[in-house]
Amino acid sequence: MTDESFLETARLLINPLTTDDDLFIFALVNSAGWIKFIGNRNITSKNEAGTYIQKILQNKNISYWVVKLKDDQERIGIITFIKRDYLAHHDIGFAFLPEYSGRGYAHEATNAVLHKLLLNYNLPHILAVTMAENISSIKLLKKLGLDFENEITVENQLVHIYGAPGRITK
């Protein structure tokens, strides 16, 4: 479901992930929040980050967009859209470098991507997966119009599933 065009919001540029994003991905996947709430990817170098990106780009079930500040093109986060084997529908996700949290960037970017996906694809339902203790993500998911649906265990970890039946609010 990769879309090669980019999105623009009031403050952000949102572009598909490329191999040029390797240093940013290296920093993001090694940030404390990523490791705590998403998991350690054991990426210890720029080259390993490049390999990780290649795997993402080769998987037709995964789309990543890099979020940049419009003013200086600084990479600050990602939005993901993944069709996971254990879920009936696609899963929207987001992760931002800690220094850019709490400024509304995640909402602005995720909302833009969700609206574009809903306009361009026939998606009957969108899901999001988060840990119960990830309060910031839960607040954002609710603000985006996703509601708690259930909890499941994935890789020995209890996670909460949020969803929206083809409707997203601003």
N, C-alpha and C. Protein backbone atom coordinates (compact mmCIF):
# COMPACT_ATOMS: atom_id res chain seq x y z
N MET A 1 0.83 -1.18 0.00
CA MET A 1 0.00 0.00 0.00
C MET A 1 0.87 1.25 0.00
N THR A 2 2.05 1.16 -0.53
CA THR A 2 2.96 2.29 -0.57
C THR A 2 2.45 3.34 -1.54
N ASP A 3 2.51 4.58 -1.11
CA ASP A 3 2.12 5.69 -1.95
C ASP A 3 3.34 6.58 -2.09
N GLU A 4 3.81 6.76 -3.31
CA GLU A 4 5.05 7.48 -3.54
C GLU A 4 4.91 8.99 -3.36
N SER A 5 3.69 9.50 -3.39
CA SER A 5 3.54 10.93 -3.22
C SER A 5 3.70 11.29 -1.75
N PHE A 6 3.99 12.53 -1.48
CA PHE A 6 4.16 12.97 -0.11
C PHE A 6 2.96 13.78 0.33
N LEU A 7 2.86 13.95 1.63
CA LEU A 7 1.82 14.77 2.24
C LEU A 7 2.45 15.99 2.86
N GLU A 8 1.68 17.04 2.93
CA GLU A 8 2.14 18.25 3.58
C GLU A 8 1.05 18.74 4.51
N THR A 9 1.43 19.10 5.72
CA THR A 9 0.50 19.70 6.67
C THR A 9 1.00 21.10 6.98
N ALA A 10 0.38 21.75 7.92
CA ALA A 10 0.79 23.11 8.27
C ALA A 10 2.26 23.19 8.68
N ARG A 11 2.74 22.16 9.40
CA ARG A 11 4.11 22.21 9.93
C ARG A 11 5.01 21.10 9.42
N LEU A 12 4.46 20.13 8.70
CA LEU A 12 5.19 18.90 8.43
C LEU A 12 5.19 18.50 6.96
N LEU A 13 6.22 17.76 6.58
CA LEU A 13 6.29 17.04 5.31
C LEU A 13 6.33 15.56 5.67
N ILE A 14 5.57 14.75 4.93
CA ILE A 14 5.49 13.32 5.20
C ILE A 14 5.80 12.60 3.90
N ASN A 15 6.94 11.90 3.89
CA ASN A 15 7.43 11.25 2.68
C ASN A 15 7.63 9.75 2.92
N PRO A 16 7.52 8.95 1.88
CA PRO A 16 7.81 7.53 2.03
C PRO A 16 9.26 7.31 2.51
N LEU A 17 9.45 6.30 3.31
CA LEU A 17 10.76 5.91 3.80
C LEU A 17 11.68 5.56 2.63
N THR A 18 12.94 5.99 2.72
CA THR A 18 13.94 5.62 1.71
C THR A 18 15.22 5.17 2.42
N THR A 19 16.14 4.62 1.66
CA THR A 19 17.41 4.19 2.25
C THR A 19 18.23 5.38 2.75
N ASP A 20 17.92 6.59 2.30
CA ASP A 20 18.61 7.78 2.80
C ASP A 20 18.22 8.11 4.25
N ASP A 21 17.23 7.43 4.79
CA ASP A 21 16.78 7.68 6.15
C ASP A 21 17.49 6.81 7.19
N ASP A 22 18.59 6.18 6.81
CA ASP A 22 19.24 5.21 7.68
C ASP A 22 19.73 5.78 9.01
N LEU A 23 20.35 6.95 9.02
CA LEU A 23 20.82 7.53 10.29
C LEU A 23 19.65 7.89 11.21
N PHE A 24 18.57 8.41 10.62
CA PHE A 24 17.39 8.73 11.40
C PHE A 24 16.78 7.46 11.99
N ILE A 25 16.63 6.43 11.18
CA ILE A 25 16.04 5.18 11.67
C ILE A 25 16.93 4.57 12.75
N PHE A 26 18.23 4.66 12.58
CA PHE A 26 19.16 4.17 13.60
C PHE A 26 18.88 4.87 14.94
N ALA A 27 18.73 6.20 14.91
CA ALA A 27 18.46 6.95 16.14
C ALA A 27 17.09 6.61 16.70
N LEU A 28 16.07 6.51 15.85
CA LEU A 28 14.71 6.26 16.32
C LEU A 28 14.56 4.90 16.97
N VAL A 29 15.05 3.84 16.31
CA VAL A 29 14.85 2.50 16.86
C VAL A 29 15.69 2.25 18.11
N ASN A 30 16.63 3.13 18.39
CA ASN A 30 17.44 3.02 19.60
C ASN A 30 17.03 4.02 20.67
N SER A 31 15.94 4.75 20.44
CA SER A 31 15.44 5.68 21.45
C SER A 31 14.74 4.88 22.56
N ALA A 32 14.73 5.45 23.74
CA ALA A 32 14.17 4.75 24.91
C ALA A 32 12.70 4.38 24.71
N GLY A 33 11.92 5.29 24.13
CA GLY A 33 10.50 5.01 23.92
C GLY A 33 10.26 3.87 22.94
N TRP A 34 11.05 3.83 21.87
CA TRP A 34 10.92 2.74 20.90
C TRP A 34 11.24 1.41 21.58
N ILE A 35 12.34 1.36 22.27
CA ILE A 35 12.75 0.11 22.91
C ILE A 35 11.71 -0.34 23.94
N LYS A 36 11.19 0.60 24.72
CA LYS A 36 10.22 0.26 25.76
C LYS A 36 8.88 -0.20 25.19
N PHE A 37 8.36 0.51 24.20
CA PHE A 37 7.00 0.25 23.73
C PHE A 37 6.90 -0.52 22.42
N ILE A 38 7.96 -0.58 21.65
CA ILE A 38 7.92 -1.30 20.38
C ILE A 38 8.85 -2.51 20.42
N GLY A 39 10.01 -2.35 21.01
CA GLY A 39 10.92 -3.47 21.15
C GLY A 39 12.29 -3.20 20.55
N ASN A 40 13.28 -3.81 21.13
CA ASN A 40 14.66 -3.64 20.68
C ASN A 40 14.86 -4.36 19.35
N ARG A 41 15.26 -3.64 18.34
CA ARG A 41 15.51 -4.22 17.02
C ARG A 41 16.96 -4.65 16.86
N ASN A 42 17.78 -4.41 17.88
CA ASN A 42 19.20 -4.80 17.86
C ASN A 42 19.93 -4.25 16.64
N ILE A 43 19.65 -3.00 16.33
CA ILE A 43 20.32 -2.31 15.23
C ILE A 43 21.43 -1.47 15.86
N THR A 44 22.67 -1.83 15.55
CA THR A 44 23.81 -1.22 16.23
C THR A 44 24.69 -0.37 15.31
N SER A 45 24.25 -0.18 14.05
CA SER A 45 25.06 0.62 13.13
C SER A 45 24.17 1.20 12.03
N LYS A 46 24.72 2.17 11.32
CA LYS A 46 24.04 2.75 10.17
C LYS A 46 23.78 1.68 9.11
N ASN A 47 24.75 0.79 8.91
CA ASN A 47 24.58 -0.27 7.91
C ASN A 47 23.43 -1.21 8.28
N GLU A 48 23.33 -1.56 9.56
CA GLU A 48 22.22 -2.41 10.00
C GLU A 48 20.88 -1.69 9.83
N ALA A 49 20.87 -0.38 10.06
CA ALA A 49 19.65 0.41 9.84
C ALA A 49 19.27 0.36 8.36
N GLY A 50 20.27 0.44 7.48
CA GLY A 50 20.01 0.33 6.05
C GLY A 50 19.41 -1.00 5.66
N THR A 51 19.91 -2.07 6.25
CA THR A 51 19.37 -3.41 6.00
C THR A 51 17.93 -3.50 6.51
N TYR A 52 17.67 -2.93 7.68
CA TYR A 52 16.32 -2.90 8.27
C TYR A 52 15.37 -2.16 7.32
N ILE A 53 15.80 -1.04 6.78
CA ILE A 53 14.97 -0.28 5.84
C ILE A 53 14.70 -1.10 4.58
N GLN A 54 15.72 -1.77 4.06
CA GLN A 54 15.53 -2.61 2.86
C GLN A 54 14.46 -3.67 3.09
N LYS A 55 14.46 -4.29 4.27
CA LYS A 55 13.45 -5.31 4.58
C LYS A 55 12.05 -4.70 4.60
N ILE A 56 11.94 -3.51 5.16
CA ILE A 56 10.65 -2.81 5.19
C ILE A 56 10.19 -2.51 3.77
N LEU A 57 11.08 -1.95 2.95
CA LEU A 57 10.72 -1.56 1.59
C LEU A 57 10.36 -2.76 0.71
N GLN A 58 10.89 -3.92 1.01
CA GLN A 58 10.61 -5.11 0.21
C GLN A 58 9.34 -5.84 0.64
N ASN A 59 8.75 -5.45 1.76
CA ASN A 59 7.56 -6.13 2.27
C ASN A 59 6.31 -5.36 1.84
N LYS A 60 5.51 -5.97 0.99
CA LYS A 60 4.31 -5.31 0.47
C LYS A 60 3.25 -5.07 1.54
N ASN A 61 3.38 -5.67 2.70
CA ASN A 61 2.42 -5.48 3.79
C ASN A 61 2.80 -4.34 4.74
N ILE A 62 3.89 -3.65 4.44
CA ILE A 62 4.38 -2.60 5.33
C ILE A 62 4.60 -1.30 4.55
N SER A 63 4.08 -0.20 5.09
CA SER A 63 4.36 1.13 4.56
C SER A 63 4.86 2.00 5.70
N TYR A 64 5.96 2.69 5.48
CA TYR A 64 6.51 3.64 6.45
C TYR A 64 6.61 4.99 5.77
N TRP A 65 6.23 6.04 6.50
CA TRP A 65 6.44 7.40 6.04
C TRP A 65 7.28 8.12 7.08
N VAL A 66 8.21 8.91 6.61
CA VAL A 66 9.07 9.70 7.49
C VAL A 66 8.46 11.09 7.61
N VAL A 67 8.36 11.55 8.85
CA VAL A 67 7.80 12.86 9.15
C VAL A 67 8.96 13.84 9.35
N LYS A 68 8.91 14.95 8.61
CA LYS A 68 9.95 15.97 8.70
C LYS A 68 9.32 17.32 9.04
N LEU A 69 10.08 18.13 9.74
CA LEU A 69 9.65 19.50 9.97
C LEU A 69 9.72 20.25 8.65
N LYS A 70 8.70 21.00 8.33
CA LYS A 70 8.66 21.72 7.07
C LYS A 70 9.77 22.77 6.98
N ASP A 71 10.04 23.44 8.09
CA ASP A 71 11.00 24.54 8.09
C ASP A 71 12.42 24.12 7.74
N ASP A 72 12.92 23.06 8.37
CA ASP A 72 14.33 22.69 8.19
C ASP A 72 14.56 21.26 7.69
N GLN A 73 13.47 20.56 7.35
CA GLN A 73 13.55 19.18 6.82
C GLN A 73 14.09 18.17 7.84
N GLU A 74 14.14 18.55 9.11
CA GLU A 74 14.62 17.65 10.16
C GLU A 74 13.66 16.47 10.30
N ARG A 75 14.20 15.25 10.27
CA ARG A 75 13.39 14.04 10.46
C ARG A 75 13.05 13.92 11.94
N ILE A 76 11.76 13.76 12.23
CA ILE A 76 11.35 13.73 13.64
C ILE A 76 10.56 12.49 14.03
N GLY A 77 10.01 11.77 13.05
CA GLY A 77 9.21 10.60 13.40
C GLY A 77 8.81 9.80 12.19
N ILE A 78 8.04 8.75 12.45
CA ILE A 78 7.51 7.91 11.38
C ILE A 78 6.04 7.61 11.63
N ILE A 79 5.35 7.34 10.54
CA ILE A 79 4.00 6.80 10.57
C ILE A 79 4.10 5.46 9.83
N THR A 80 3.47 4.43 10.40
CA THR A 80 3.52 3.11 9.78
C THR A 80 2.10 2.63 9.49
N PHE A 81 1.98 1.80 8.48
CA PHE A 81 0.71 1.17 8.13
C PHE A 81 1.05 -0.26 7.74
N ILE A 82 0.65 -1.21 8.60
CA ILE A 82 1.13 -2.58 8.47
C ILE A 82 -0.05 -3.56 8.51
N LYS A 83 -0.02 -4.52 7.62
CA LYS A 83 -0.98 -5.63 7.68
C LYS A 83 -0.27 -6.78 8.39
N ARG A 84 -0.61 -6.93 9.66
CA ARG A 84 0.02 -7.97 10.49
C ARG A 84 -0.75 -9.28 10.37
N ASP A 85 -0.03 -10.39 10.45
CA ASP A 85 -0.66 -11.71 10.34
C ASP A 85 -1.72 -11.93 11.40
N TYR A 86 -1.53 -11.38 12.58
CA TYR A 86 -2.44 -11.66 13.69
C TYR A 86 -3.61 -10.67 13.79
N LEU A 87 -3.71 -9.74 12.83
CA LEU A 87 -4.81 -8.79 12.82
C LEU A 87 -5.62 -8.92 11.53
N ALA A 88 -6.92 -8.69 11.62
CA ALA A 88 -7.80 -8.80 10.45
C ALA A 88 -7.67 -7.60 9.52
N HIS A 89 -7.22 -6.46 10.06
CA HIS A 89 -7.13 -5.23 9.27
C HIS A 89 -5.76 -4.58 9.46
N HIS A 90 -5.49 -3.58 8.64
CA HIS A 90 -4.22 -2.85 8.74
C HIS A 90 -4.13 -2.11 10.07
N ASP A 91 -2.90 -1.94 10.53
CA ASP A 91 -2.57 -1.31 11.80
C ASP A 91 -1.80 -0.02 11.53
N ILE A 92 -2.31 1.11 12.04
CA ILE A 92 -1.61 2.39 11.94
C ILE A 92 -0.71 2.54 13.17
N GLY A 93 0.47 3.06 12.96
CA GLY A 93 1.39 3.25 14.08
C GLY A 93 2.19 4.52 13.90
N PHE A 94 2.87 4.92 14.95
CA PHE A 94 3.66 6.14 14.92
C PHE A 94 4.75 6.04 15.97
N ALA A 95 5.85 6.71 15.70
CA ALA A 95 6.95 6.80 16.66
C ALA A 95 7.71 8.09 16.34
N PHE A 96 8.05 8.82 17.39
CA PHE A 96 8.75 10.09 17.22
C PHE A 96 9.94 10.15 18.15
N LEU A 97 10.95 10.86 17.71
CA LEU A 97 12.10 11.08 18.58
C LEU A 97 11.62 11.81 19.84
N PRO A 98 12.19 11.49 21.00
CA PRO A 98 11.67 12.04 22.26
C PRO A 98 11.67 13.57 22.32
N GLU A 99 12.63 14.21 21.68
CA GLU A 99 12.69 15.67 21.75
C GLU A 99 11.56 16.35 20.96
N TYR A 100 10.78 15.57 20.19
CA TYR A 100 9.67 16.14 19.43
C TYR A 100 8.32 15.67 19.95
N SER A 101 8.29 15.00 21.07
CA SER A 101 7.04 14.55 21.68
C SER A 101 6.35 15.70 22.38
N GLY A 102 5.03 15.59 22.48
CA GLY A 102 4.26 16.57 23.22
C GLY A 102 4.02 17.88 22.50
N ARG A 103 4.27 17.93 21.21
CA ARG A 103 4.09 19.17 20.44
C ARG A 103 2.98 19.06 19.39
N GLY A 104 2.27 17.93 19.39
CA GLY A 104 1.19 17.75 18.44
C GLY A 104 1.61 17.22 17.08
N TYR A 105 2.89 16.97 16.90
CA TYR A 105 3.36 16.48 15.60
C TYR A 105 2.80 15.10 15.26
N ALA A 106 2.75 14.20 16.24
CA ALA A 106 2.25 12.85 15.98
C ALA A 106 0.80 12.88 15.55
N HIS A 107 -0.01 13.69 16.20
CA HIS A 107 -1.42 13.81 15.81
C HIS A 107 -1.54 14.39 14.42
N GLU A 108 -0.83 15.46 14.16
CA GLU A 108 -0.89 16.14 12.86
C GLU A 108 -0.51 15.18 11.72
N ALA A 109 0.57 14.45 11.91
CA ALA A 109 1.05 13.54 10.86
C ALA A 109 0.15 12.32 10.71
N THR A 110 -0.22 11.70 11.82
CA THR A 110 -1.03 10.49 11.75
C THR A 110 -2.40 10.80 11.18
N ASN A 111 -2.98 11.91 11.58
CA ASN A 111 -4.28 12.33 11.06
C ASN A 111 -4.21 12.53 9.55
N ALA A 112 -3.16 13.16 9.06
CA ALA A 112 -3.01 13.39 7.61
C ALA A 112 -2.88 12.07 6.86
N VAL A 113 -2.07 11.16 7.37
CA VAL A 113 -1.89 9.86 6.71
C VAL A 113 -3.20 9.07 6.73
N LEU A 114 -3.89 9.06 7.86
CA LEU A 114 -5.17 8.33 7.94
C LEU A 114 -6.17 8.87 6.94
N HIS A 115 -6.30 10.17 6.86
CA HIS A 115 -7.25 10.75 5.92
C HIS A 115 -6.90 10.40 4.47
N LYS A 116 -5.62 10.44 4.15
CA LYS A 116 -5.21 10.09 2.78
C LYS A 116 -5.52 8.61 2.49
N LEU A 117 -5.22 7.74 3.45
CA LEU A 117 -5.50 6.31 3.26
C LEU A 117 -7.00 6.07 3.08
N LEU A 118 -7.81 6.74 3.89
CA LEU A 118 -9.25 6.55 3.79
C LEU A 118 -9.81 7.10 2.48
N LEU A 119 -9.21 8.16 1.97
CA LEU A 119 -9.66 8.72 0.69
C LEU A 119 -9.26 7.84 -0.50
N ASN A 120 -8.10 7.21 -0.42
CA ASN A 120 -7.54 6.52 -1.58
C ASN A 120 -7.75 5.01 -1.60
N TYR A 121 -8.13 4.42 -0.49
CA TYR A 121 -8.27 2.97 -0.42
C TYR A 121 -9.59 2.61 0.26
N ASN A 122 -10.14 1.51 -0.12
CA ASN A 122 -11.38 1.03 0.47
C ASN A 122 -11.05 0.25 1.75
N LEU A 123 -10.90 0.98 2.84
CA LEU A 123 -10.52 0.37 4.11
C LEU A 123 -11.73 0.32 5.04
N PRO A 124 -12.27 -0.88 5.26
CA PRO A 124 -13.47 -0.97 6.10
C PRO A 124 -13.19 -0.72 7.59
N HIS A 125 -11.94 -0.89 7.98
CA HIS A 125 -11.62 -0.78 9.41
C HIS A 125 -10.11 -0.54 9.54
N ILE A 126 -9.73 0.29 10.47
CA ILE A 126 -8.31 0.54 10.75
C ILE A 126 -8.07 0.23 12.21
N LEU A 127 -6.95 -0.44 12.48
CA LEU A 127 -6.59 -0.83 13.84
C LEU A 127 -5.32 -0.12 14.28
N ALA A 128 -5.08 -0.17 15.57
CA ALA A 128 -3.82 0.29 16.15
C ALA A 128 -3.54 -0.61 17.35
N VAL A 129 -2.27 -0.93 17.53
CA VAL A 129 -1.84 -1.81 18.62
C VAL A 129 -0.94 -1.02 19.55
N THR A 130 -1.20 -1.13 20.85
CA THR A 130 -0.35 -0.46 21.81
C THR A 130 -0.33 -1.22 23.12
N MET A 131 0.70 -0.98 23.89
CA MET A 131 0.77 -1.57 25.23
C MET A 131 -0.16 -0.77 26.15
N ALA A 132 -0.76 -1.44 27.11
CA ALA A 132 -1.70 -0.78 28.02
C ALA A 132 -1.06 0.37 28.79
N GLU A 133 0.23 0.28 29.05
CA GLU A 133 0.91 1.32 29.82
C GLU A 133 1.40 2.49 28.95
N ASN A 134 1.18 2.43 27.65
CA ASN A 134 1.61 3.51 26.76
C ASN A 134 0.50 4.57 26.71
N ILE A 135 0.38 5.31 27.77
CA ILE A 135 -0.70 6.28 27.95
C ILE A 135 -0.69 7.35 26.85
N SER A 136 0.47 7.84 26.45
CA SER A 136 0.54 8.87 25.41
C SER A 136 -0.04 8.36 24.09
N SER A 137 0.30 7.14 23.72
CA SER A 137 -0.24 6.57 22.48
C SER A 137 -1.75 6.38 22.58
N ILE A 138 -2.21 5.91 23.71
CA ILE A 138 -3.66 5.70 23.89
C ILE A 138 -4.41 7.02 23.77
N LYS A 139 -3.89 8.08 24.37
CA LYS A 139 -4.54 9.39 24.26
C LYS A 139 -4.61 9.83 22.80
N LEU A 140 -3.52 9.64 22.07
CA LEU A 140 -3.50 10.03 20.67
C LEU A 140 -4.48 9.20 19.85
N LEU A 141 -4.50 7.90 20.08
CA LEU A 141 -5.43 7.04 19.34
C LEU A 141 -6.87 7.46 19.56
N LYS A 142 -7.22 7.77 20.80
CA LYS A 142 -8.58 8.23 21.09
C LYS A 142 -8.86 9.56 20.42
N LYS A 143 -7.89 10.47 20.42
CA LYS A 143 -8.05 11.77 19.78
C LYS A 143 -8.26 11.61 18.27
N LEU A 144 -7.66 10.57 17.69
CA LEU A 144 -7.81 10.28 16.27
C LEU A 144 -9.14 9.59 15.95
N GLY A 145 -9.89 9.20 16.98
CA GLY A 145 -11.18 8.58 16.76
C GLY A 145 -11.18 7.06 16.85
N LEU A 146 -10.09 6.47 17.32
CA LEU A 146 -10.05 5.02 17.49
C LEU A 146 -10.49 4.67 18.91
N ASP A 147 -11.23 3.59 19.03
CA ASP A 147 -11.77 3.15 20.32
C ASP A 147 -11.17 1.80 20.70
N PHE A 148 -11.07 1.56 22.01
CA PHE A 148 -10.59 0.27 22.50
C PHE A 148 -11.52 -0.82 22.01
N GLU A 149 -10.94 -1.90 21.47
CA GLU A 149 -11.74 -3.03 20.98
C GLU A 149 -11.51 -4.29 21.81
N ASN A 150 -10.25 -4.62 22.05
CA ASN A 150 -9.95 -5.81 22.85
C ASN A 150 -8.47 -5.86 23.19
N GLU A 151 -8.08 -6.89 23.90
CA GLU A 151 -6.67 -7.10 24.18
C GLU A 151 -6.30 -8.50 23.75
N ILE A 152 -5.07 -8.63 23.26
CA ILE A 152 -4.56 -9.92 22.82
C ILE A 152 -3.13 -10.06 23.30
N THR A 153 -2.63 -11.28 23.24
CA THR A 153 -1.24 -11.52 23.58
C THR A 153 -0.47 -11.78 22.29
N VAL A 154 0.60 -10.99 22.11
CA VAL A 154 1.47 -11.11 20.93
C VAL A 154 2.89 -11.27 21.45
N GLU A 155 3.53 -12.38 21.08
CA GLU A 155 4.90 -12.66 21.51
C GLU A 155 5.05 -12.50 23.03
N ASN A 156 4.13 -13.12 23.76
CA ASN A 156 4.11 -13.13 25.23
C ASN A 156 3.91 -11.74 25.83
N GLN A 157 3.38 -10.81 25.07
CA GLN A 157 3.13 -9.44 25.55
C GLN A 157 1.65 -9.12 25.36
N LEU A 158 0.98 -8.71 26.43
CA LEU A 158 -0.41 -8.29 26.35
C LEU A 158 -0.47 -6.91 25.71
N VAL A 159 -1.24 -6.77 24.63
CA VAL A 159 -1.39 -5.49 23.94
C VAL A 159 -2.87 -5.17 23.79
N HIS A 160 -3.15 -3.87 23.69
CA HIS A 160 -4.51 -3.40 23.46
C HIS A 160 -4.68 -3.08 21.99
N ILE A 161 -5.86 -3.41 21.48
CA ILE A 161 -6.21 -3.14 20.10
C ILE A 161 -7.27 -2.04 20.09
N TYR A 162 -6.98 -1.00 19.32
CA TYR A 162 -7.92 0.09 19.10
C TYR A 162 -8.34 0.05 17.65
N GLY A 163 -9.53 0.55 17.35
CA GLY A 163 -9.99 0.51 15.98
C GLY A 163 -11.01 1.57 15.66
N ALA A 164 -11.20 1.77 14.36
CA ALA A 164 -12.20 2.69 13.84
C ALA A 164 -12.74 2.12 12.56
N PRO A 165 -14.05 1.99 12.45
CA PRO A 165 -14.66 1.43 11.22
C PRO A 165 -14.77 2.46 10.11
N GLY A 166 -13.62 2.73 9.47
CA GLY A 166 -13.62 3.61 8.31
C GLY A 166 -13.98 5.06 8.60
N ARG A 167 -13.88 5.47 9.83
CA ARG A 167 -14.17 6.86 10.18
C ARG A 167 -13.03 7.38 11.06
N ILE A 168 -12.55 8.53 10.75
CA ILE A 168 -11.50 9.16 11.54
C ILE A 168 -11.90 10.61 11.77
N THR A 169 -11.73 11.06 12.99
CA THR A 169 -12.07 12.45 13.30
C THR A 169 -10.83 13.31 13.25
N LYS A 170 -11.03 14.60 13.21
CA LYS A 170 -9.89 15.52 13.26
C LYS A 170 -9.51 15.72 14.70
